[in-house]
Amino acid sequence: MATTIKTFNSSGGFGINQTPLITETLDVVNVNTLELQNTNFVDASSKKYILKGISTTILSLDNLSSSIPITSSTINFITAHIIGVNSDGSGHLSLKNETAISCDSSGVISVLSSLDTIIKDSIPSGQSWSIIPYSTVSNQFSFSTTRTGTSDAIKWFAYVEVVKVIWT
């Protein structure tokens, strides 16, 4: 019996397995990460990610606790727009985090600098929510969240851009 394999399609755009990736109006859709690289500077690139987590956790790319992969022997500039919101929407923390990290040849990550800009803090009285850059696994980076003073679930979302520069 004949089988039709439909890996790539281009009717009205471009897609893989019937999932559109580029629309007729040239919008990029349905991608997990997006990497930009200038062909004149092959030692630098930029990737964007979406992370999520609940309450006190390590934010992840999926439901399997996957973190952002970081290449060895690089300096990375990480910009994250992060929001935490409680279950009824009455409390939230919105911030921008700017972190510079280095990753040595063996994959060990060191935070060189980190700056939080609080956009809005409406955390309910008696509660404490926080988020910090996090890495204990070689070549992996994320953010660690902490929630105290409540048993309410706090949903965390982060939109993260990583600019990688190879330094060796």
C-alpha atoms as a PDB file:
ATOM      1  CA  MET A   1       0.000   0.000   0.000  1.00  0.00           C
ATOM      2  CA  ALA A   2       1.376   3.414  -0.988  1.00  0.00           C
ATOM      3  CA  THR A   3       2.069   5.976   1.715  1.00  0.00           C
ATOM      4  CA  THR A   4       2.202   9.708   1.155  1.00  0.00           C
ATOM      5  CA  ILE A   5       4.817  11.357   3.326  1.00  0.00           C
ATOM      6  CA  LYS A   6       4.066  15.012   4.062  1.00  0.00           C
ATOM      7  CA  THR A   7       7.126  16.345   5.854  1.00  0.00           C
ATOM      8  CA  PHE A   8       7.299  19.739   4.153  1.00  0.00           C
ATOM      9  CA  ASN A   9       4.466  21.727   2.634  1.00  0.00           C
ATOM     10  CA  SER A  10       4.368  25.153   1.062  1.00  0.00           C
ATOM     11  CA  SER A  11       0.774  25.733   0.071  1.00  0.00           C
ATOM     12  CA  GLY A  12       0.165  29.347   1.104  1.00  0.00           C
ATOM     13  CA  GLY A  13       3.344  29.495   3.207  1.00  0.00           C
ATOM     14  CA  PHE A  14       5.817  26.985   4.629  1.00  0.00           C
ATOM     15  CA  GLY A  15       5.189  24.264   7.176  1.00  0.00           C
ATOM     16  CA  ILE A  16       6.385  20.955   8.549  1.00  0.00           C
ATOM     17  CA  ASN A  17       3.984  18.030   9.076  1.00  0.00           C
ATOM     18  CA  GLN A  18       1.004  20.265   8.253  1.00  0.00           C
ATOM     19  CA  THR A  19       2.003  22.815  10.938  1.00  0.00           C
ATOM     20  CA  PRO A  20       2.501  26.287   9.445  1.00  0.00           C
ATOM     21  CA  LEU A  21       5.854  27.946  10.178  1.00  0.00           C
ATOM     22  CA  ILE A  22       5.698  30.864   7.749  1.00  0.00           C
ATOM     23  CA  THR A  23       2.303  32.249   6.804  1.00  0.00           C
ATOM     24  CA  GLU A  24       1.208  33.733   3.488  1.00  0.00           C
ATOM     25  CA  THR A  25       1.856  37.165   4.995  1.00  0.00           C
ATOM     26  CA  LEU A  26       5.428  36.103   5.959  1.00  0.00           C
ATOM     27  CA  ASP A  27       4.783  35.840   9.710  1.00  0.00           C
ATOM     28  CA  VAL A  28       6.836  33.229  11.600  1.00  0.00           C
ATOM     29  CA  VAL A  29       4.499  31.135  13.789  1.00  0.00           C
ATOM     30  CA  ASN A  30       4.487  27.890  15.818  1.00  0.00           C
ATOM     31  CA  VAL A  31       8.207  27.791  16.653  1.00  0.00           C
ATOM     32  CA  ASN A  32       9.672  26.781  20.033  1.00  0.00           C
ATOM     33  CA  THR A  33      12.719  29.049  19.800  1.00  0.00           C
ATOM     34  CA  LEU A  34      13.916  31.632  17.349  1.00  0.00           C
ATOM     35  CA  GLU A  35      17.626  32.140  16.656  1.00  0.00           C
ATOM     36  CA  LEU A  36      19.036  35.203  14.916  1.00  0.00           C
ATOM     37  CA  GLN A  37      22.594  35.251  13.644  1.00  0.00           C
ATOM     38  CA  ASN A  38      24.387  37.858  11.575  1.00  0.00           C
ATOM     39  CA  THR A  39      26.338  36.070   8.829  1.00  0.00           C
ATOM     40  CA  ASN A  40      29.165  38.572   9.320  1.00  0.00           C
ATOM     41  CA  PHE A  41      29.567  37.627  13.001  1.00  0.00           C
ATOM     42  CA  VAL A  42      29.293  33.838  13.276  1.00  0.00           C
ATOM     43  CA  ASP A  43      30.607  33.934  16.857  1.00  0.00           C
ATOM     44  CA  ALA A  44      27.444  35.643  18.147  1.00  0.00           C
ATOM     45  CA  SER A  45      23.728  34.857  18.024  1.00  0.00           C
ATOM     46  CA  SER A  46      20.454  35.585  19.786  1.00  0.00           C
ATOM     47  CA  LYS A  47      17.749  33.105  20.832  1.00  0.00           C
ATOM     48  CA  LYS A  48      14.358  33.686  22.439  1.00  0.00           C
ATOM     49  CA  TYR A  49      12.538  31.335  24.809  1.00  0.00           C
ATOM     50  CA  ILE A  50       9.339  31.107  26.859  1.00  0.00           C
ATOM     51  CA  LEU A  51       9.602  29.588  30.349  1.00  0.00           C
ATOM     52  CA  LYS A  52       6.866  28.650  32.809  1.00  0.00           C
ATOM     53  CA  GLY A  53       6.511  27.379  36.379  1.00  0.00           C
ATOM     54  CA  ILE A  54       4.175  27.117  39.358  1.00  0.00           C
ATOM     55  CA  SER A  55       4.815  28.492  42.880  1.00  0.00           C
ATOM     56  CA  THR A  56       8.301  27.645  44.243  1.00  0.00           C
ATOM     57  CA  THR A  57      10.091  26.041  41.307  1.00  0.00           C
ATOM     58  CA  ILE A  58      12.700  26.272  38.580  1.00  0.00           C
ATOM     59  CA  LEU A  59      11.136  27.768  35.425  1.00  0.00           C
ATOM     60  CA  SER A  60      11.269  25.379  32.472  1.00  0.00           C
ATOM     61  CA  LEU A  61      10.829  25.192  28.714  1.00  0.00           C
ATOM     62  CA  ASP A  62       8.419  22.254  28.991  1.00  0.00           C
ATOM     63  CA  ASN A  63       6.781  19.991  31.565  1.00  0.00           C
ATOM     64  CA  LEU A  64      10.015  17.991  31.867  1.00  0.00           C
ATOM     65  CA  SER A  65      12.020  20.655  33.745  1.00  0.00           C
ATOM     66  CA  SER A  66      14.166  21.522  30.726  1.00  0.00           C
ATOM     67  CA  SER A  67      16.279  24.650  31.110  1.00  0.00           C
ATOM     68  CA  ILE A  68      17.817  26.991  28.548  1.00  0.00           C
ATOM     69  CA  PRO A  69      20.896  25.362  26.978  1.00  0.00           C
ATOM     70  CA  ILE A  70      24.074  27.454  27.271  1.00  0.00           C
ATOM     71  CA  THR A  71      27.094  26.781  25.046  1.00  0.00           C
ATOM     72  CA  SER A  72      30.497  26.255  26.699  1.00  0.00           C
ATOM     73  CA  SER A  73      33.153  28.980  26.345  1.00  0.00           C
ATOM     74  CA  THR A  74      30.623  31.791  25.948  1.00  0.00           C
ATOM     75  CA  ILE A  75      29.556  35.058  27.509  1.00  0.00           C
ATOM     76  CA  ASN A  76      25.765  35.463  27.496  1.00  0.00           C
ATOM     77  CA  PHE A  77      23.555  38.507  27.942  1.00  0.00           C
ATOM     78  CA  ILE A  78      20.156  37.399  29.213  1.00  0.00           C
ATOM     79  CA  THR A  79      17.118  39.676  29.257  1.00  0.00           C
ATOM     80  CA  ALA A  80      13.910  38.307  30.760  1.00  0.00           C
ATOM     81  CA  HIS A  81      10.457  39.820  31.128  1.00  0.00           C
ATOM     82  CA  ILE A  82       8.866  37.895  33.997  1.00  0.00           C
ATOM     83  CA  ILE A  83       5.461  37.897  35.613  1.00  0.00           C
ATOM     84  CA  GLY A  84       4.071  35.956  38.553  1.00  0.00           C
ATOM     85  CA  VAL A  85       0.334  35.998  39.218  1.00  0.00           C
ATOM     86  CA  ASN A  86      -1.789  34.318  41.896  1.00  0.00           C
ATOM     87  CA  SER A  87      -4.810  32.127  41.147  1.00  0.00           C
ATOM     88  CA  ASP A  88      -7.465  34.841  41.390  1.00  0.00           C
ATOM     89  CA  GLY A  89      -5.377  37.544  39.686  1.00  0.00           C
ATOM     90  CA  SER A  90      -5.440  39.837  42.719  1.00  0.00           C
ATOM     91  CA  GLY A  91      -1.667  39.742  43.184  1.00  0.00           C
ATOM     92  CA  HIS A  92       1.193  39.878  40.746  1.00  0.00           C
ATOM     93  CA  LEU A  93       4.855  40.686  40.346  1.00  0.00           C
ATOM     94  CA  SER A  94       6.094  42.003  37.012  1.00  0.00           C
ATOM     95  CA  LEU A  95       9.794  42.607  36.425  1.00  0.00           C
ATOM     96  CA  LYS A  96      12.599  42.782  33.901  1.00  0.00           C
ATOM     97  CA  ASN A  97      15.799  40.903  34.718  1.00  0.00           C
ATOM     98  CA  GLU A  98      19.081  41.605  32.955  1.00  0.00           C
ATOM     99  CA  THR A  99      21.839  39.089  33.682  1.00  0.00           C
ATOM    100  CA  ALA A 100      25.310  38.540  32.243  1.00  0.00           C
ATOM    101  CA  ILE A 101      26.771  35.048  32.636  1.00  0.00           C
ATOM    102  CA  SER A 102      29.886  33.239  31.534  1.00  0.00           C
ATOM    103  CA  CYS A 103      30.037  29.550  30.756  1.00  0.00           C
ATOM    104  CA  ASP A 104      33.526  28.053  30.926  1.00  0.00           C
ATOM    105  CA  SER A 105      34.895  25.236  28.760  1.00  0.00           C
ATOM    106  CA  SER A 106      33.548  22.579  31.167  1.00  0.00           C
ATOM    107  CA  GLY A 107      30.011  24.055  31.219  1.00  0.00           C
ATOM    108  CA  VAL A 108      30.166  25.754  34.620  1.00  0.00           C
ATOM    109  CA  ILE A 109      28.028  28.902  34.636  1.00  0.00           C
ATOM    110  CA  SER A 110      28.974  31.999  36.637  1.00  0.00           C
ATOM    111  CA  VAL A 111      26.681  34.993  37.079  1.00  0.00           C
ATOM    112  CA  LEU A 112      28.753  38.093  36.275  1.00  0.00           C
ATOM    113  CA  SER A 113      26.011  40.628  36.995  1.00  0.00           C
ATOM    114  CA  SER A 114      22.266  40.771  37.485  1.00  0.00           C
ATOM    115  CA  LEU A 115      19.799  43.662  37.654  1.00  0.00           C
ATOM    116  CA  ASP A 116      16.068  43.552  38.394  1.00  0.00           C
ATOM    117  CA  THR A 117      13.748  46.357  37.378  1.00  0.00           C
ATOM    118  CA  ILE A 118      10.428  45.983  39.187  1.00  0.00           C
ATOM    119  CA  ILE A 119       7.650  47.090  36.862  1.00  0.00           C
ATOM    120  CA  LYS A 120       4.737  46.399  39.231  1.00  0.00           C
ATOM    121  CA  ASP A 121       4.606  44.764  42.650  1.00  0.00           C
ATOM    122  CA  SER A 122       1.142  44.021  44.001  1.00  0.00           C
ATOM    123  CA  ILE A 123       2.028  40.998  46.122  1.00  0.00           C
ATOM    124  CA  PRO A 124      -0.623  40.509  48.830  1.00  0.00           C
ATOM    125  CA  SER A 125       0.326  41.566  52.363  1.00  0.00           C
ATOM    126  CA  GLY A 126       2.101  38.868  54.363  1.00  0.00           C
ATOM    127  CA  GLN A 127       3.380  37.096  51.247  1.00  0.00           C
ATOM    128  CA  SER A 128       6.792  37.099  49.633  1.00  0.00           C
ATOM    129  CA  TRP A 129       7.515  36.207  46.006  1.00  0.00           C
ATOM    130  CA  SER A 130      10.954  36.301  44.424  1.00  0.00           C
ATOM    131  CA  ILE A 131      12.803  35.170  41.333  1.00  0.00           C
ATOM    132  CA  ILE A 132      16.565  34.893  40.766  1.00  0.00           C
ATOM    133  CA  PRO A 133      18.902  33.629  38.013  1.00  0.00           C
ATOM    134  CA  TYR A 134      19.604  29.925  38.514  1.00  0.00           C
ATOM    135  CA  SER A 135      22.109  27.339  37.321  1.00  0.00           C
ATOM    136  CA  THR A 136      23.472  24.270  39.066  1.00  0.00           C
ATOM    137  CA  VAL A 137      23.599  21.939  36.067  1.00  0.00           C
ATOM    138  CA  SER A 138      26.386  22.264  33.487  1.00  0.00           C
ATOM    139  CA  ASN A 139      25.401  24.244  30.394  1.00  0.00           C
ATOM    140  CA  GLN A 140      21.878  24.962  31.710  1.00  0.00           C
ATOM    141  CA  PHE A 141      20.291  28.256  32.824  1.00  0.00           C
ATOM    142  CA  SER A 142      16.909  29.236  34.214  1.00  0.00           C
ATOM    143  CA  PHE A 143      15.275  31.208  37.000  1.00  0.00           C
ATOM    144  CA  SER A 144      14.395  30.001  40.498  1.00  0.00           C
ATOM    145  CA  THR A 145      11.142  31.216  42.034  1.00  0.00           C
ATOM    146  CA  THR A 146      10.152  31.294  45.692  1.00  0.00           C
ATOM    147  CA  ARG A 147       6.731  31.887  47.205  1.00  0.00           C
ATOM    148  CA  THR A 148       6.161  32.131  50.964  1.00  0.00           C
ATOM    149  CA  GLY A 149       3.297  33.205  53.233  1.00  0.00           C
ATOM    150  CA  THR A 150       0.567  31.512  51.173  1.00  0.00           C
ATOM    151  CA  SER A 151      -0.493  28.167  49.789  1.00  0.00           C
ATOM    152  CA  ASP A 152      -1.968  29.797  46.660  1.00  0.00           C
ATOM    153  CA  ALA A 153      -0.474  28.642  43.375  1.00  0.00           C
ATOM    154  CA  ILE A 154       1.568  31.374  41.719  1.00  0.00           C
ATOM    155  CA  LYS A 155       1.904  31.032  37.936  1.00  0.00           C
ATOM    156  CA  TRP A 156       5.216  32.313  36.587  1.00  0.00           C
ATOM    157  CA  PHE A 157       5.912  33.154  32.948  1.00  0.00           C
ATOM    158  CA  ALA A 158       9.146  34.450  31.442  1.00  0.00           C
ATOM    159  CA  TYR A 159       9.985  35.673  27.953  1.00  0.00           C
ATOM    160  CA  VAL A 160      13.762  35.332  27.702  1.00  0.00           C
ATOM    161  CA  GLU A 161      16.303  36.512  25.135  1.00  0.00           C
ATOM    162  CA  VAL A 162      19.825  35.067  25.275  1.00  0.00           C
ATOM    163  CA  VAL A 163      22.572  36.800  23.304  1.00  0.00           C
ATOM    164  CA  LYS A 164      25.536  34.421  23.063  1.00  0.00           C
ATOM    165  CA  VAL A 165      29.104  35.485  22.273  1.00  0.00           C
ATOM    166  CA  ILE A 166      31.779  32.809  21.840  1.00  0.00           C
ATOM    167  CA  TRP A 167      34.941  34.074  23.525  1.00  0.00           C
ATOM    168  CA  THR A 168      37.499  31.372  22.703  1.00  0.00           C
END
